[in-house]
N, C-alpha and C. Protein backbone atom coordinates (compact mmCIF):
# COMPACT_ATOMS: atom_id res chain seq x y z
N MET A 1 -12.89 -23.49 -9.35
CA MET A 1 -12.16 -22.23 -9.45
C MET A 1 -12.63 -21.21 -8.22
N LYS A 2 -11.39 -20.63 -7.98
CA LYS A 2 -11.46 -19.79 -6.72
C LYS A 2 -12.02 -18.58 -6.72
N ASN A 3 -12.92 -18.01 -6.05
CA ASN A 3 -13.48 -16.98 -6.07
C ASN A 3 -12.41 -15.80 -5.61
N SER A 4 -12.90 -14.40 -5.85
CA SER A 4 -11.81 -13.44 -5.53
C SER A 4 -11.28 -13.20 -4.20
N LEU A 5 -12.37 -13.53 -3.13
CA LEU A 5 -11.96 -13.40 -1.69
C LEU A 5 -11.00 -14.45 -1.36
N GLU A 6 -11.23 -15.79 -1.93
CA GLU A 6 -10.29 -16.92 -1.53
C GLU A 6 -8.91 -16.68 -2.04
N LYS A 7 -9.03 -16.09 -3.45
CA LYS A 7 -7.72 -15.83 -3.89
C LYS A 7 -6.99 -14.64 -3.11
N LEU A 8 -7.82 -13.43 -2.57
CA LEU A 8 -7.02 -12.32 -2.02
C LEU A 8 -6.62 -12.95 -0.57
N ASN A 9 -7.31 -13.96 0.02
CA ASN A 9 -6.81 -14.43 1.25
C ASN A 9 -5.79 -15.33 1.10
N GLU A 10 -5.63 -15.90 -0.01
CA GLU A 10 -4.38 -16.96 -0.31
C GLU A 10 -3.20 -15.88 -0.40
N ILE A 11 -3.36 -15.08 -1.11
CA ILE A 11 -2.29 -13.91 -1.32
C ILE A 11 -1.75 -13.37 -0.04
N SER A 12 -2.70 -13.03 0.65
CA SER A 12 -2.46 -12.38 2.17
C SER A 12 -1.75 -13.19 2.94
N ASP A 13 -2.08 -14.52 3.05
CA ASP A 13 -1.29 -15.55 3.61
C ASP A 13 0.12 -15.67 3.29
N LEU A 14 0.22 -15.73 1.95
CA LEU A 14 1.44 -15.96 1.28
C LEU A 14 2.46 -14.63 1.65
N THR A 15 2.01 -13.51 1.56
CA THR A 15 2.80 -12.37 1.82
C THR A 15 3.12 -12.15 3.30
N SER A 16 2.24 -12.84 4.13
CA SER A 16 2.67 -12.50 5.55
C SER A 16 3.55 -13.44 5.92
N ARG A 17 3.70 -14.69 5.16
CA ARG A 17 4.71 -15.75 5.57
C ARG A 17 6.17 -15.11 5.01
N HIS A 18 5.88 -14.58 3.75
CA HIS A 18 7.10 -14.11 3.02
C HIS A 18 7.67 -12.80 4.12
N GLN A 19 6.93 -12.05 4.85
CA GLN A 19 7.47 -11.01 5.46
C GLN A 19 7.99 -11.81 6.77
N THR A 20 7.61 -12.77 7.21
CA THR A 20 8.33 -13.22 8.36
C THR A 20 9.50 -13.95 7.87
N TYR A 21 9.37 -14.72 6.73
CA TYR A 21 10.53 -15.54 6.36
C TYR A 21 11.84 -14.48 6.04
N TYR A 22 11.64 -13.59 5.35
CA TYR A 22 12.67 -12.57 4.95
C TYR A 22 13.22 -11.71 6.04
N SER A 23 12.17 -11.46 7.02
CA SER A 23 12.71 -10.47 8.06
C SER A 23 13.59 -11.32 9.08
N PHE A 24 13.13 -12.45 9.21
CA PHE A 24 13.85 -13.10 10.34
C PHE A 24 14.63 -14.51 10.18
N ASN A 25 14.67 -14.84 8.85
CA ASN A 25 15.62 -15.97 8.43
C ASN A 25 17.00 -15.60 8.26
N LYS A 26 17.88 -15.80 9.33
CA LYS A 26 19.25 -15.29 9.19
C LYS A 26 20.08 -16.15 8.18
N ASP A 27 19.58 -17.45 8.03
CA ASP A 27 20.44 -18.29 7.19
C ASP A 27 20.27 -18.09 5.72
N LEU A 28 19.46 -17.21 5.14
CA LEU A 28 19.03 -17.15 3.94
C LEU A 28 20.32 -16.40 3.16
N ASP A 29 20.47 -16.76 2.26
CA ASP A 29 21.78 -16.51 1.24
C ASP A 29 21.05 -15.44 0.33
N ALA A 30 20.72 -14.26 0.79
CA ALA A 30 20.46 -13.00 -0.01
C ALA A 30 20.94 -11.81 0.78
N SER A 31 20.90 -10.80 0.06
CA SER A 31 21.48 -9.55 0.54
C SER A 31 20.56 -8.87 1.58
N ASN A 32 21.04 -7.82 2.42
CA ASN A 32 20.04 -7.08 3.19
C ASN A 32 18.86 -6.27 2.32
N LYS A 33 19.52 -5.75 1.23
CA LYS A 33 18.75 -4.99 0.22
C LYS A 33 17.82 -5.72 -0.34
N TYR A 34 18.02 -7.04 -0.84
CA TYR A 34 17.10 -7.84 -1.56
C TYR A 34 15.98 -8.17 -0.32
N ARG A 35 16.46 -8.74 0.83
CA ARG A 35 15.42 -8.95 1.84
C ARG A 35 14.65 -7.84 2.14
N GLN A 36 14.91 -6.70 2.36
CA GLN A 36 14.06 -5.51 2.53
C GLN A 36 13.15 -5.23 1.30
N GLY A 37 13.64 -5.49 0.07
CA GLY A 37 12.66 -5.49 -0.91
C GLY A 37 11.56 -6.31 -0.88
N ARG A 38 12.00 -7.53 -0.53
CA ARG A 38 10.83 -8.57 -0.43
C ARG A 38 9.80 -8.31 0.63
N VAL A 39 10.22 -7.79 1.85
CA VAL A 39 9.46 -7.33 2.88
C VAL A 39 8.53 -6.20 2.56
N SER A 40 9.26 -5.32 2.01
CA SER A 40 8.53 -4.16 1.66
C SER A 40 7.51 -4.35 0.51
N ALA A 41 7.82 -5.25 -0.46
CA ALA A 41 6.66 -5.67 -1.45
C ALA A 41 5.57 -6.51 -0.76
N SER A 42 5.97 -7.43 0.11
CA SER A 42 5.07 -8.21 0.76
C SER A 42 4.10 -7.27 1.72
N LYS A 43 4.46 -6.24 2.27
CA LYS A 43 3.87 -5.32 3.30
C LYS A 43 2.68 -4.64 2.31
N TRP A 44 3.32 -4.20 1.20
CA TRP A 44 2.56 -3.40 0.17
C TRP A 44 1.30 -4.17 -0.16
N LEU A 45 1.75 -5.51 -0.52
CA LEU A 45 0.65 -6.33 -1.05
C LEU A 45 -0.38 -6.74 -0.36
N CYS A 46 -0.03 -6.82 1.34
CA CYS A 46 -0.96 -7.12 2.32
C CYS A 46 -1.69 -5.93 2.36
N ASP A 47 -1.45 -4.54 2.26
CA ASP A 47 -2.26 -3.60 2.42
C ASP A 47 -3.13 -3.38 1.13
N LEU A 48 -2.70 -3.97 0.17
CA LEU A 48 -3.54 -3.65 -1.37
C LEU A 48 -4.70 -4.80 -0.85
N VAL A 49 -4.20 -5.83 -0.50
CA VAL A 49 -5.26 -7.17 -0.38
C VAL A 49 -6.41 -6.67 0.62
N TYR A 50 -6.07 -5.89 1.60
CA TYR A 50 -6.80 -5.43 2.75
C TYR A 50 -7.74 -4.47 1.96
N TYR A 51 -7.22 -3.50 1.12
CA TYR A 51 -8.22 -2.58 0.48
C TYR A 51 -8.93 -3.34 -0.33
N PHE A 52 -8.76 -4.14 -1.07
CA PHE A 52 -9.82 -4.73 -2.03
C PHE A 52 -10.81 -5.82 -1.38
N ILE A 53 -10.26 -6.27 -0.25
CA ILE A 53 -11.42 -7.07 0.55
C ILE A 53 -12.39 -6.01 1.32
N GLU A 54 -12.00 -5.00 1.57
CA GLU A 54 -12.93 -3.93 2.25
C GLU A 54 -13.73 -3.41 1.07
N LYS A 55 -13.20 -3.22 -0.20
CA LYS A 55 -13.95 -2.67 -1.26
C LYS A 55 -15.05 -3.69 -1.60
N GLU A 56 -14.81 -4.97 -1.61
CA GLU A 56 -15.77 -6.17 -1.79
C GLU A 56 -16.78 -5.89 -0.75
N ASN A 57 -16.54 -5.82 0.59
CA ASN A 57 -17.41 -5.65 1.48
C ASN A 57 -18.58 -4.46 1.08
N ARG A 58 -17.95 -3.20 0.90
CA ARG A 58 -18.56 -2.24 0.55
C ARG A 58 -19.79 -2.44 -0.62
N PHE A 59 -19.29 -3.19 -1.51
CA PHE A 59 -20.01 -3.70 -2.53
C PHE A 59 -21.31 -4.40 -2.26
N ILE A 60 -21.06 -5.30 -1.40
CA ILE A 60 -22.09 -6.13 -0.82
C ILE A 60 -23.19 -5.32 -0.23
N ILE A 61 -22.33 -4.25 0.76
CA ILE A 61 -23.39 -3.30 1.52
C ILE A 61 -24.28 -2.62 0.45
N GLU A 62 -23.68 -2.31 -0.46
CA GLU A 62 -24.47 -1.29 -1.47
C GLU A 62 -25.51 -2.14 -2.23
N PHE A 63 -25.04 -3.33 -2.30
CA PHE A 63 -25.87 -4.32 -3.05
C PHE A 63 -27.18 -4.48 -2.22
N LYS A 64 -27.14 -4.78 -1.05
CA LYS A 64 -28.16 -4.86 0.00
C LYS A 64 -29.00 -3.62 0.13
N GLU A 65 -28.64 -2.49 0.04
CA GLU A 65 -29.34 -1.26 0.28
C GLU A 65 -30.17 -1.09 -1.14
N HIS A 66 -29.54 -1.81 -2.31
CA HIS A 66 -30.42 -1.47 -3.32
C HIS A 66 -31.65 -2.63 -3.22
N ILE A 67 -31.48 -3.65 -2.78
CA ILE A 67 -32.52 -4.46 -2.49
C ILE A 67 -33.42 -3.88 -1.34
N LYS A 68 -32.88 -3.16 -0.59
CA LYS A 68 -33.74 -2.76 0.58
C LYS A 68 -34.71 -1.64 -0.07
N GLU A 69 -33.96 -0.86 -1.07
CA GLU A 69 -34.95 0.25 -1.56
C GLU A 69 -35.71 -0.41 -2.45
N GLN A 70 -35.59 -1.41 -3.18
CA GLN A 70 -36.45 -2.01 -4.09
C GLN A 70 -37.64 -2.73 -3.24
N LYS A 71 -37.45 -3.27 -2.11
CA LYS A 71 -38.52 -3.76 -1.28
C LYS A 71 -39.57 -2.43 -0.96
N LYS A 72 -38.72 -1.26 -0.61
CA LYS A 72 -39.45 -0.15 -0.03
C LYS A 72 -40.61 0.36 -1.43
N GLU A 73 -40.07 0.32 -2.48
CA GLU A 73 -40.79 0.49 -3.62
C GLU A 73 -42.10 -0.41 -3.76
N LEU A 74 -41.54 -1.67 -3.62
CA LEU A 74 -42.65 -2.71 -3.84
C LEU A 74 -43.89 -2.59 -2.89
N SER A 75 -43.40 -1.86 -1.82
CA SER A 75 -44.38 -1.82 -0.58
C SER A 75 -45.74 -1.03 -0.96
N GLN A 76 -45.73 -0.39 -2.05
CA GLN A 76 -46.75 0.64 -2.78
C GLN A 76 -47.65 -0.28 -3.71
N LEU A 77 -47.17 -1.23 -4.26
CA LEU A 77 -48.07 -2.35 -5.03
C LEU A 77 -49.10 -2.90 -4.05
N LYS A 78 -50.16 -2.91 -4.86
CA LYS A 78 -51.35 -3.82 -4.30
C LYS A 78 -50.97 -5.11 -3.69
N ASP A 79 -51.54 -5.38 -2.54
CA ASP A 79 -51.02 -6.89 -1.95
C ASP A 79 -51.66 -8.00 -2.98
N GLY A 80 -50.91 -9.04 -3.14
CA GLY A 80 -51.36 -10.07 -3.97
C GLY A 80 -50.09 -11.05 -4.32
N GLU A 81 -50.43 -12.48 -5.25
CA GLU A 81 -49.49 -13.22 -5.25
C GLU A 81 -48.12 -12.77 -6.11
N TYR A 82 -48.29 -11.70 -6.93
CA TYR A 82 -47.16 -11.26 -7.60
C TYR A 82 -46.20 -10.35 -6.75
N LYS A 83 -46.82 -9.58 -5.93
CA LYS A 83 -46.04 -8.88 -4.98
C LYS A 83 -45.35 -9.68 -3.67
N LYS A 84 -46.26 -10.72 -3.44
CA LYS A 84 -45.62 -11.78 -2.42
C LYS A 84 -44.39 -12.45 -3.27
N GLY A 85 -44.34 -12.84 -4.55
CA GLY A 85 -43.27 -13.54 -5.10
C GLY A 85 -42.20 -12.65 -5.08
N LEU A 86 -42.34 -11.35 -5.73
CA LEU A 86 -41.26 -10.38 -5.55
C LEU A 86 -40.60 -10.19 -4.28
N ILE A 87 -41.29 -10.09 -3.24
CA ILE A 87 -40.90 -9.85 -1.96
C ILE A 87 -40.12 -11.27 -1.40
N ASP A 88 -40.53 -12.36 -1.67
CA ASP A 88 -40.19 -13.61 -1.27
C ASP A 88 -38.86 -13.59 -1.98
N GLU A 89 -38.48 -13.51 -3.23
CA GLU A 89 -37.34 -13.48 -3.85
C GLU A 89 -36.28 -12.63 -3.43
N LEU A 90 -36.53 -11.45 -2.73
CA LEU A 90 -35.73 -10.44 -2.38
C LEU A 90 -35.24 -10.99 -0.98
N ASN A 91 -36.25 -11.30 -0.13
CA ASN A 91 -35.84 -11.73 1.31
C ASN A 91 -35.07 -12.92 1.19
N LEU A 92 -35.19 -13.89 0.17
CA LEU A 92 -34.26 -15.08 -0.03
C LEU A 92 -32.82 -14.69 -0.19
N ILE A 93 -32.76 -13.52 -1.08
CA ILE A 93 -31.19 -13.04 -1.51
C ILE A 93 -30.67 -12.26 -0.27
N GLU A 94 -31.68 -11.49 0.40
CA GLU A 94 -31.14 -10.76 1.59
C GLU A 94 -30.65 -11.90 2.67
N ASP A 95 -31.17 -12.95 2.89
CA ASP A 95 -30.80 -13.96 3.78
C ASP A 95 -29.68 -14.49 3.41
N MET A 96 -29.33 -14.68 2.12
CA MET A 96 -28.24 -15.37 1.58
C MET A 96 -27.09 -14.34 1.73
N LEU A 97 -27.33 -13.09 1.82
CA LEU A 97 -26.12 -12.08 1.96
C LEU A 97 -25.89 -12.14 3.44
N ASN A 98 -26.79 -12.07 4.19
CA ASN A 98 -26.67 -12.07 5.75
C ASN A 98 -25.89 -13.30 6.24
N ASP A 99 -26.13 -14.43 5.79
CA ASP A 99 -25.38 -15.85 6.10
C ASP A 99 -23.88 -15.76 5.62
N ARG A 100 -23.76 -14.98 4.40
CA ARG A 100 -22.24 -14.95 3.97
C ARG A 100 -21.71 -13.92 4.92
N ASN A 101 -22.38 -13.01 5.32
CA ASN A 101 -21.35 -12.13 6.33
C ASN A 101 -21.19 -12.65 7.52
N ASN A 102 -22.04 -13.74 7.99
CA ASN A 102 -21.74 -14.35 9.41
C ASN A 102 -20.87 -15.34 9.25
N LYS A 103 -20.27 -15.91 8.12
CA LYS A 103 -19.32 -16.92 8.00
C LYS A 103 -17.80 -16.34 8.27
């Protein structure tokens, strides 16, 4: 099953191809109005995809901020194995999120 970003990128690729196809394919048996409608819808969909990809990126940033804030609060705990376990788990997730952003 594809995740949301993969699906959004797939939609973006498809609508970009449609923009080109309906803008420049003169052999197409379709009216100019129909072609304009397809191009306009494709452009709108590309903008919508961009909006949702950016929204997802902001969601990850906010998630990372919550982790950072939790680590700050944990710094007030007495040092020990429990605290180390909490911090190690949060660090693991932070690293995972940072790796995701670098791909």
